[in-house]
Amino acid sequence: MDTLSSSPLSLKANKNTLALMGTIVFVALLLLFHTIRSNQGLSNTLVSGPSYLRNPPGHPAFSLLVLLAFQDATAKNEFLDLIQPLTNYVRDYEPDTIAYEVMQSDQDALQVILLERYADKEHAYLNIHKSSAAFLEFRPKLLELEKAGRVTISGNSYIDSDLGFVGRPPSLAKSGTL
């Protein structure tokens, strides 16, 4: 028997990871409300059917759902302080980033999901976001929290399937009519 897999910290991390993974469906639905598009030819395109916006066919958006389970409120608050400058930078200087939002669980105060949605993987995510000074300053600090055992990080990446919709004009979402 692997003694590491039965340690209390490992069991708690596995429980937190499973709980966080269970929220992916909910978070995927939140993607629907983010519709900013890039200045790279992947601009908002009206698709047939109900009014909604998405990338043109053949140009799927790329998304990350990063799941974070903190050991205590101090670690979570430190993370929130660390990521604030990055969220501001992404909003102000990365037009190809469709959504970048920190979401706190309403069921577990120590769980957070970082929703990242990009116009594309190669340009917006790999070339722009991951090479930005703000990201390069933030990432080592997050890894320090992880190395110290103060946060467990997991998640997955996703490519749009062209099924469903992404966002609605606010007036239609409020009224429930299309």
C-alpha atoms as a PDB file:
ATOM      1  CA  MET A   1       0.000   0.000   0.000  1.00  0.00           C
ATOM      2  CA  ASP A   2       1.285   3.447  -0.868  1.00  0.00           C
ATOM      3  CA  THR A   3       1.515   5.358   2.404  1.00  0.00           C
ATOM      4  CA  LEU A   4       1.372   8.708   0.622  1.00  0.00           C
ATOM      5  CA  SER A   5      -2.041   7.993  -0.839  1.00  0.00           C
ATOM      6  CA  SER A   6      -3.506   7.287   2.586  1.00  0.00           C
ATOM      7  CA  SER A   7      -2.093  10.319   4.386  1.00  0.00           C
ATOM      8  CA  PRO A   8      -4.666  12.808   5.748  1.00  0.00           C
ATOM      9  CA  LEU A   9      -3.293  15.607   3.534  1.00  0.00           C
ATOM     10  CA  SER A  10      -3.504  13.388   0.433  1.00  0.00           C
ATOM     11  CA  LEU A  11      -7.056  12.289   1.252  1.00  0.00           C
ATOM     12  CA  LYS A  12      -8.116  15.894   1.821  1.00  0.00           C
ATOM     13  CA  ALA A  13      -6.479  16.939  -1.466  1.00  0.00           C
ATOM     14  CA  ASN A  14      -8.241  14.105  -3.334  1.00  0.00           C
ATOM     15  CA  LYS A  15     -11.589  15.053  -1.739  1.00  0.00           C
ATOM     16  CA  ASN A  16     -11.078  18.715  -2.635  1.00  0.00           C
ATOM     17  CA  THR A  17     -10.050  17.852  -6.182  1.00  0.00           C
ATOM     18  CA  LEU A  18     -13.129  15.679  -6.689  1.00  0.00           C
ATOM     19  CA  ALA A  19     -15.388  18.362  -5.249  1.00  0.00           C
ATOM     20  CA  LEU A  20     -13.821  20.986  -7.490  1.00  0.00           C
ATOM     21  CA  MET A  21     -14.097  18.793 -10.557  1.00  0.00           C
ATOM     22  CA  GLY A  22     -17.808  18.428  -9.805  1.00  0.00           C
ATOM     23  CA  THR A  23     -18.199  22.160 -10.267  1.00  0.00           C
ATOM     24  CA  ILE A  24     -16.803  22.162 -13.813  1.00  0.00           C
ATOM     25  CA  VAL A  25     -20.264  21.811 -15.321  1.00  0.00           C
ATOM     26  CA  PHE A  26     -21.456  24.863 -13.402  1.00  0.00           C
ATOM     27  CA  VAL A  27     -18.397  26.876 -14.397  1.00  0.00           C
ATOM     28  CA  ALA A  28     -18.788  25.884 -18.028  1.00  0.00           C
ATOM     29  CA  LEU A  29     -22.229  27.465 -17.941  1.00  0.00           C
ATOM     30  CA  LEU A  30     -20.662  30.691 -16.690  1.00  0.00           C
ATOM     31  CA  LEU A  31     -18.629  30.808 -19.902  1.00  0.00           C
ATOM     32  CA  LEU A  32     -21.848  31.747 -21.641  1.00  0.00           C
ATOM     33  CA  PHE A  33     -21.750  35.269 -20.244  1.00  0.00           C
ATOM     34  CA  HIS A  34     -18.360  36.324 -21.597  1.00  0.00           C
ATOM     35  CA  THR A  35     -18.335  37.587 -25.213  1.00  0.00           C
ATOM     36  CA  ILE A  36     -15.428  39.944 -25.824  1.00  0.00           C
ATOM     37  CA  ARG A  37     -13.589  38.999 -29.015  1.00  0.00           C
ATOM     38  CA  SER A  38     -10.124  39.512 -30.401  1.00  0.00           C
ATOM     39  CA  ASN A  39      -8.817  42.125 -32.798  1.00  0.00           C
ATOM     40  CA  GLN A  40      -7.231  39.365 -34.879  1.00  0.00           C
ATOM     41  CA  GLY A  41      -9.971  38.530 -37.311  1.00  0.00           C
ATOM     42  CA  LEU A  42     -11.891  36.459 -34.770  1.00  0.00           C
ATOM     43  CA  SER A  43     -14.288  39.277 -34.011  1.00  0.00           C
ATOM     44  CA  ASN A  44     -17.834  38.728 -32.783  1.00  0.00           C
ATOM     45  CA  THR A  45     -19.928  36.950 -35.366  1.00  0.00           C
ATOM     46  CA  LEU A  46     -23.681  36.587 -35.210  1.00  0.00           C
ATOM     47  CA  VAL A  47     -24.580  32.926 -35.679  1.00  0.00           C
ATOM     48  CA  SER A  48     -27.925  31.716 -36.994  1.00  0.00           C
ATOM     49  CA  GLY A  49     -30.607  30.908 -34.450  1.00  0.00           C
ATOM     50  CA  PRO A  50     -31.049  32.863 -31.235  1.00  0.00           C
ATOM     51  CA  SER A  51     -28.912  35.969 -30.849  1.00  0.00           C
ATOM     52  CA  TYR A  52     -25.552  34.984 -29.451  1.00  0.00           C
ATOM     53  CA  LEU A  53     -21.927  35.563 -30.267  1.00  0.00           C
ATOM     54  CA  ARG A  54     -19.055  33.168 -30.875  1.00  0.00           C
ATOM     55  CA  ASN A  55     -15.912  32.769 -32.950  1.00  0.00           C
ATOM     56  CA  PRO A  56     -16.484  31.961 -36.631  1.00  0.00           C
ATOM     57  CA  PRO A  57     -16.627  28.243 -37.497  1.00  0.00           C
ATOM     58  CA  GLY A  58     -13.168  26.697 -37.567  1.00  0.00           C
ATOM     59  CA  HIS A  59     -11.772  29.154 -35.003  1.00  0.00           C
ATOM     60  CA  PRO A  60     -12.720  27.692 -31.611  1.00  0.00           C
ATOM     61  CA  ALA A  61     -12.047  29.582 -28.419  1.00  0.00           C
ATOM     62  CA  PHE A  62      -9.681  28.003 -25.874  1.00  0.00           C
ATOM     63  CA  SER A  63     -10.583  27.822 -22.187  1.00  0.00           C
ATOM     64  CA  LEU A  64      -8.918  26.804 -18.947  1.00  0.00           C
ATOM     65  CA  LEU A  65     -10.658  25.960 -15.697  1.00  0.00           C
ATOM     66  CA  VAL A  66      -8.052  26.104 -12.948  1.00  0.00           C
ATOM     67  CA  LEU A  67      -9.257  24.585  -9.688  1.00  0.00           C
ATOM     68  CA  LEU A  68      -7.636  25.756  -6.461  1.00  0.00           C
ATOM     69  CA  ALA A  69      -8.225  24.227  -3.015  1.00  0.00           C
ATOM     70  CA  PHE A  70      -6.622  26.223  -0.204  1.00  0.00           C
ATOM     71  CA  GLN A  71      -5.478  24.853   3.152  1.00  0.00           C
ATOM     72  CA  ASP A  72      -6.791  27.877   5.037  1.00  0.00           C
ATOM     73  CA  ALA A  73      -8.347  31.313   4.592  1.00  0.00           C
ATOM     74  CA  THR A  74      -4.971  33.031   4.932  1.00  0.00           C
ATOM     75  CA  ALA A  75      -3.624  31.175   1.888  1.00  0.00           C
ATOM     76  CA  LYS A  76      -6.773  31.953  -0.101  1.00  0.00           C
ATOM     77  CA  ASN A  77      -6.614  35.652   0.792  1.00  0.00           C
ATOM     78  CA  GLU A  78      -2.932  35.753  -0.142  1.00  0.00           C
ATOM     79  CA  PHE A  79      -3.828  34.261  -3.538  1.00  0.00           C
ATOM     80  CA  LEU A  80      -6.602  36.827  -4.060  1.00  0.00           C
ATOM     81  CA  ASP A  81      -4.142  39.633  -3.297  1.00  0.00           C
ATOM     82  CA  LEU A  82      -1.536  38.123  -5.645  1.00  0.00           C
ATOM     83  CA  ILE A  83      -3.883  37.639  -8.584  1.00  0.00           C
ATOM     84  CA  GLN A  84      -5.552  41.077  -8.466  1.00  0.00           C
ATOM     85  CA  PRO A  85      -2.810  42.863 -10.457  1.00  0.00           C
ATOM     86  CA  LEU A  86      -2.879  40.064 -13.045  1.00  0.00           C
ATOM     87  CA  THR A  87      -6.655  40.256 -13.482  1.00  0.00           C
ATOM     88  CA  ASN A  88      -6.401  44.016 -13.965  1.00  0.00           C
ATOM     89  CA  TYR A  89      -3.600  43.608 -16.508  1.00  0.00           C
ATOM     90  CA  VAL A  90      -5.498  40.962 -18.478  1.00  0.00           C
ATOM     91  CA  ARG A  91      -8.624  43.152 -18.575  1.00  0.00           C
ATOM     92  CA  ASP A  92      -6.716  46.243 -19.698  1.00  0.00           C
ATOM     93  CA  TYR A  93      -4.030  44.838 -22.030  1.00  0.00           C
ATOM     94  CA  GLU A  94      -5.121  41.468 -23.413  1.00  0.00           C
ATOM     95  CA  PRO A  95      -7.975  42.105 -25.861  1.00  0.00           C
ATOM     96  CA  ASP A  96      -7.842  38.490 -27.091  1.00  0.00           C
ATOM     97  CA  THR A  97      -8.718  37.251 -23.617  1.00  0.00           C
ATOM     98  CA  ILE A  98     -12.467  36.730 -23.636  1.00  0.00           C
ATOM     99  CA  ALA A  99     -12.852  36.051 -19.911  1.00  0.00           C
ATOM    100  CA  TYR A 100     -10.556  35.975 -16.921  1.00  0.00           C
ATOM    101  CA  GLU A 101     -12.441  35.619 -13.687  1.00  0.00           C
ATOM    102  CA  VAL A 102     -11.762  34.362 -10.181  1.00  0.00           C
ATOM    103  CA  MET A 103     -14.848  32.605  -8.830  1.00  0.00           C
ATOM    104  CA  GLN A 104     -15.224  31.658  -5.194  1.00  0.00           C
ATOM    105  CA  SER A 105     -17.263  28.637  -4.217  1.00  0.00           C
ATOM    106  CA  ASP A 106     -20.535  29.316  -2.438  1.00  0.00           C
ATOM    107  CA  GLN A 107     -20.284  25.870  -0.824  1.00  0.00           C
ATOM    108  CA  ASP A 108     -16.645  25.731   0.347  1.00  0.00           C
ATOM    109  CA  ALA A 109     -14.930  28.944   1.389  1.00  0.00           C
ATOM    110  CA  LEU A 110     -11.514  27.448   0.594  1.00  0.00           C
ATOM    111  CA  GLN A 111     -12.252  26.601  -3.044  1.00  0.00           C
ATOM    112  CA  VAL A 112     -11.704  28.901  -6.019  1.00  0.00           C
ATOM    113  CA  ILE A 113     -11.956  28.409  -9.769  1.00  0.00           C
ATOM    114  CA  LEU A 114     -10.062  30.585 -12.190  1.00  0.00           C
ATOM    115  CA  LEU A 115     -11.985  30.795 -15.459  1.00  0.00           C
ATOM    116  CA  GLU A 116      -9.745  31.688 -18.396  1.00  0.00           C
ATOM    117  CA  ARG A 117     -11.152  31.975 -21.916  1.00  0.00           C
ATOM    118  CA  TYR A 118      -9.093  33.047 -24.926  1.00  0.00           C
ATOM    119  CA  ALA A 119      -9.932  33.737 -28.567  1.00  0.00           C
ATOM    120  CA  ASP A 120      -7.420  31.006 -29.463  1.00  0.00           C
ATOM    121  CA  LYS A 121      -4.753  28.864 -27.860  1.00  0.00           C
ATOM    122  CA  GLU A 122      -1.669  29.704 -29.916  1.00  0.00           C
ATOM    123  CA  HIS A 123      -1.836  33.490 -30.065  1.00  0.00           C
ATOM    124  CA  ALA A 124      -4.001  34.761 -27.209  1.00  0.00           C
ATOM    125  CA  TYR A 125      -3.020  32.177 -24.595  1.00  0.00           C
ATOM    126  CA  LEU A 126       0.484  30.933 -25.416  1.00  0.00           C
ATOM    127  CA  ASN A 127       2.019  33.957 -27.140  1.00  0.00           C
ATOM    128  CA  ILE A 128       0.316  36.853 -25.358  1.00  0.00           C
ATOM    129  CA  HIS A 129      -0.969  35.809 -21.928  1.00  0.00           C
ATOM    130  CA  LYS A 130       1.747  33.357 -20.855  1.00  0.00           C
ATOM    131  CA  SER A 131       4.523  35.742 -21.882  1.00  0.00           C
ATOM    132  CA  SER A 132       3.101  38.883 -20.247  1.00  0.00           C
ATOM    133  CA  ALA A 133       5.113  40.519 -17.490  1.00  0.00           C
ATOM    134  CA  ALA A 134       2.096  40.340 -15.165  1.00  0.00           C
ATOM    135  CA  PHE A 135       1.717  36.570 -15.646  1.00  0.00           C
ATOM    136  CA  LEU A 136       5.460  35.962 -15.319  1.00  0.00           C
ATOM    137  CA  GLU A 137       5.435  37.867 -12.022  1.00  0.00           C
ATOM    138  CA  PHE A 138       2.338  36.072 -10.669  1.00  0.00           C
ATOM    139  CA  ARG A 139       3.063  32.453 -11.643  1.00  0.00           C
ATOM    140  CA  PRO A 140       6.146  31.839  -9.420  1.00  0.00           C
ATOM    141  CA  LYS A 141       4.275  33.247  -6.420  1.00  0.00           C
ATOM    142  CA  LEU A 142       1.386  30.833  -6.997  1.00  0.00           C
ATOM    143  CA  LEU A 143       3.839  27.955  -7.376  1.00  0.00           C
ATOM    144  CA  GLU A 144       5.410  28.933  -4.021  1.00  0.00           C
ATOM    145  CA  LEU A 145       1.989  28.581  -2.368  1.00  0.00           C
ATOM    146  CA  GLU A 146       1.592  25.171  -4.005  1.00  0.00           C
ATOM    147  CA  LYS A 147       5.099  23.996  -3.066  1.00  0.00           C
ATOM    148  CA  ALA A 148       4.467  25.021   0.557  1.00  0.00           C
ATOM    149  CA  GLY A 149       1.321  22.843   0.564  1.00  0.00           C
ATOM    150  CA  ARG A 150      -0.985  25.812   1.026  1.00  0.00           C
ATOM    151  CA  VAL A 151      -2.943  25.202  -2.193  1.00  0.00           C
ATOM    152  CA  THR A 152      -3.707  22.234  -4.418  1.00  0.00           C
ATOM    153  CA  ILE A 153      -3.980  23.185  -8.097  1.00  0.00           C
ATOM    154  CA  SER A 154      -5.708  21.131 -10.776  1.00  0.00           C
ATOM    155  CA  GLY A 155      -7.793  21.753 -13.855  1.00  0.00           C
ATOM    156  CA  ASN A 156      -8.261  21.146 -17.543  1.00  0.00           C
ATOM    157  CA  SER A 157      -8.258  22.963 -20.853  1.00  0.00           C
ATOM    158  CA  TYR A 158     -11.148  22.980 -23.326  1.00  0.00           C
ATOM    159  CA  ILE A 159     -11.834  23.870 -26.957  1.00  0.00           C
ATOM    160  CA  ASP A 160     -15.257  25.198 -28.008  1.00  0.00           C
ATOM    161  CA  SER A 161     -17.491  22.555 -29.568  1.00  0.00           C
ATOM    162  CA  ASP A 162     -19.864  24.940 -31.382  1.00  0.00           C
ATOM    163  CA  LEU A 163     -22.723  23.407 -29.374  1.00  0.00           C
ATOM    164  CA  GLY A 164     -24.753  25.751 -27.220  1.00  0.00           C
ATOM    165  CA  PHE A 165     -24.192  29.473 -27.062  1.00  0.00           C
ATOM    166  CA  VAL A 166     -21.856  32.025 -25.578  1.00  0.00           C
ATOM    167  CA  GLY A 167     -23.489  35.044 -23.990  1.00  0.00           C
ATOM    168  CA  ARG A 168     -26.672  36.916 -24.728  1.00  0.00           C
ATOM    169  CA  PRO A 169     -27.312  40.563 -25.178  1.00  0.00           C
ATOM    170  CA  PRO A 170     -28.055  41.777 -21.625  1.00  0.00           C
ATOM    171  CA  SER A 171     -31.579  43.017 -22.461  1.00  0.00           C
ATOM    172  CA  LEU A 172     -32.564  39.585 -23.797  1.00  0.00           C
ATOM    173  CA  ALA A 173     -31.014  37.696 -20.895  1.00  0.00           C
ATOM    174  CA  LYS A 174     -33.002  39.788 -18.399  1.00  0.00           C
ATOM    175  CA  SER A 175     -36.304  39.532 -20.231  1.00  0.00           C
ATOM    176  CA  GLY A 176     -35.976  35.833 -21.091  1.00  0.00           C
ATOM    177  CA  THR A 177     -36.949  36.489 -24.720  1.00  0.00           C
ATOM    178  CA  LEU A 178     -34.937  36.179 -27.861  1.00  0.00           C
END
